[in-house]
Amino acid sequence: MKIKYVIFTILLLLGGMSCVNSAILTQDSLLGIENYNFSLYSLMDNSMVFENDTIYLAGEIDSGTSDDIIIYKCYKNGSVIWNVSYDYMGYDDAPTHLIVQNDEIYVIGNGRKSGGQDVIVVKYDTDGNKLWNNSYSYGTAYDSAQKAVLKDGNLYVGAYGAGSTFDVVLLNYYANGTLMWSNSYDYKSDKDYLKEVFVDDNKNSYVISNSINKSGFSGTYDIVLLKYNETGSLLWEKTYDYNLERESVTSAKMVNNNIYILGGIKNSKDLLLLKYDLDGNRLWNASYDYLIGQDYPISMHIDSDENTYVLGRGTNTTRDTLLLKYNSTGSLLWSTSYFTNMSDDGLKTSMMVLGDNIYILDAIKNSTANNNMLYLSNYDTETGANDWNTTYTFSSKNNKPVALCYNPGKVCVLAQCADESNYYKMVFLEYTTSGNLMYNNSYPSETISTGNPKELHNYQNVKYVLGTSYSALGSSVNLLRYGEDKIAPTISINHPTNGTINTTSDNTNVIINATVEDGSTISEVKAELNGVNESMNLLNDYYILNKTLTEGTYSLKVYAKDVSRNMGTSESVEFIIKRSSNNDNGGTTTTTTHHKTLDASDSIESSNMKRTVSESTVVYGSNFDKQLAECLKENIYPDDYEITGDTIIVGGPVSNKIAEQYNDRFVKPVSNENPGENRGIIQILKIQDNSASVVQSYNVVYIAGSDRLGTEAALKYFETLKELPTEPIIVEWTSEGPVLV
């Protein structure tokens, strides 16, 4: 009972034990996406298998002249180890089952031939080498593989054979591909549809089918249970016919040497549950009638005490969802239902039973918005009481449930949800076990692309979503991985760098600029400057913090934390802000006509370029440009300056008025698009002045970028030049610093 756990938790808290923090859940994130861009025709049901830290995928591809079977083997991260394809007779081939067990890979499917279709079996080793292939033809028409079981090295394949009637066919293969035996069964000289195959520990096999009985009203369906021994001899057959009505089989399970069959009765419109032992004795049967219309079974779960939980749909004025619990003797313990307001029964409603909890993923109609909402609910296994329920809508359009899985402390949901333009997306949701939404993610992100989710699995606490996506560019198979991110963010400080910042002001504006990279979402970035932490803000692709600093020595680190609580730290940057007065000689100016003091920064490597900078006027626009300009020389000027001699412009036309005035006169005008993201340019314009009696000319050096990092890259590269360039130079900022493009 749940209340026992509640009381136990209270006792722990009263006892002062600090175990609460261990229960804190970590939000998952998208770990990676792998796209397999082959020309996909379809993925079979249950096409993903996990074995020994690897993933196997099976599907059908269009090879140009026919559709072939394809198998992929991948690492846990989705990267491909190998893939192989199989073509039967040059026609269309489709897999129905993929079994991987003890390093043996079996692919079961249907191979087309001229005028018909055969059952095919192909075996591979773990390196993708084909060991053998076999085929089986019951008649001349279309045979179809339906079920497959690998037991003690023998492969059992259940099919229906399309002879004069559709008969049940059971095949038994040795591990070397030899057909040990085959058997067929015809109930009443009409169609028999195989539904399930089981094999017990004594190598007896059991077949369940829906078979037509012509003696019933308009030809009804009966439920047939068959048992074969190890050599393929039919030991017995059991049938179930409820008053000559139409019975159907939805699912069947073998648990503790008992066989449970879930189905429906068409005419009386009831749910049907049967239990047999392995000798064919029907231990009990139970039926359930909801209200006025047809009731439909969906799935069942059998717990360790052989209680059976049945999920179904009941017809009222609309379709309601039903939840029933039977004990091991077939007695109904409780039943409950909820109103969905839905008329469509084509939804993938699913149920998961874990301990004291039943989780149901469904959809209900939102009558106000006229759309389908996802509906996740939780029930108590003992009483059937609804503990909580919650809804989710991706947009104002429809939302379709696909699958459920469990991760300790979390309930994970896969759905197909339409955006406002009615393009469907694969949507992954993560809830706490109390129904609180922790995380959501959708794929594909492109507006005009459609996602079709197929499967959701939890393997080693990583959730795998398999689906397909389609756009105007084509189709692909997509494997998405969600889990706890254990990798800390990586951080690089772009500005300032190690060294000295020269300034003539008492207060200097310094822009701290950092790049933070991580596989998940960043939740917090802080700069620690001389032991004081301040939050940084995201601006485009960078985290920025503006600081006004005085003269002194500074130590800077940047910390970043992601949503999984991983903390990353940058390397330390040590810099000095040095204030230089206009007169370093204590107020006394020394003048000489033979030598002009060079006031260019020591960061400029070439003496020739130092003289060029010293003899030029440096003009800046924004505070960021001013900070860069101060790296060239001490005396700099704002952009209200009029060019009358050699000039260096720092910054582009958006922030610098002088740059805006002269931008179009340069060979490569600077804009947000040119020279491009993180790129800057260095170029020279020679201007002739005819205003005086003697014609003069002077150089205008333009150092600017499409963004701040571009401007900084251009300026840092300018400091390394030995002479002014004769043509434009484009530079890009990288993690290694400025690089010539």
Foldseek 3Di string as FASTA:
>chain_A
DVVVVVVVVVVCVVVVDPPVVVLDDFFKFFQDKDWFPAAFDFFAAPQWDDDDQKIKGWGWHCPPQEIWIKMFIGGNRRHTPDMDIDADASYYWTWHDWDADPQKIKTWTWHDDVAAIWTKIWIAGNNGHTQDMDIDAPARYYKTWDDWDQDPQKIKTWIFHPHVATWIKIWIAHNNGDTLDMDTDADASHYKAWDDWDADPQRKIKTWIWHWDPVADNTATKIKIWIAGNNGHTPDMDIDQDPSFHKDWDDWDQDPQKIKTWIFTAPVQWTKIWIAGNVGDTLDIDIDADDDHHKGWQDWDQDPQRKIWTWIWHDDVAIKIKIWIAGNNGDTPDIDIDAQCDRDPPANWDWDDDDQKIWIWFWHADVVLREIWIKIWIAGPNRRDTQDMDTDAPESHYKGWADWDDDVQKIKTWIWHAYPVGATWTKIWIAGPNGHTDDMDTPDPDPAKHKDWRDWDQDPQKIWIWTKMQHPVRIIIMIIIMHQDPDAKAKDWPPDAAEEQEEQDQKAKGKTKMAIDDSGAWDFKWKQKPNDIDTFDDDPRITIDIDIDGFDKIKIKMWIAGSSGHIDIYDIGIYTYHHDHPDPPPPDDDDDPPDDDQFFAPLQPAPVVSVLLSVAAEEEFDSLQVSLSSNTGHDHYYQVDDDDAAYEYQEALVGHVVNVVCQVVWPFRAELPVVHPQKWKWAKDKDWDPPDPDIDIHIYIYQYHSDSNNSNLSSSVSSHDNDRDPGMWMWGQDSVGIDTD
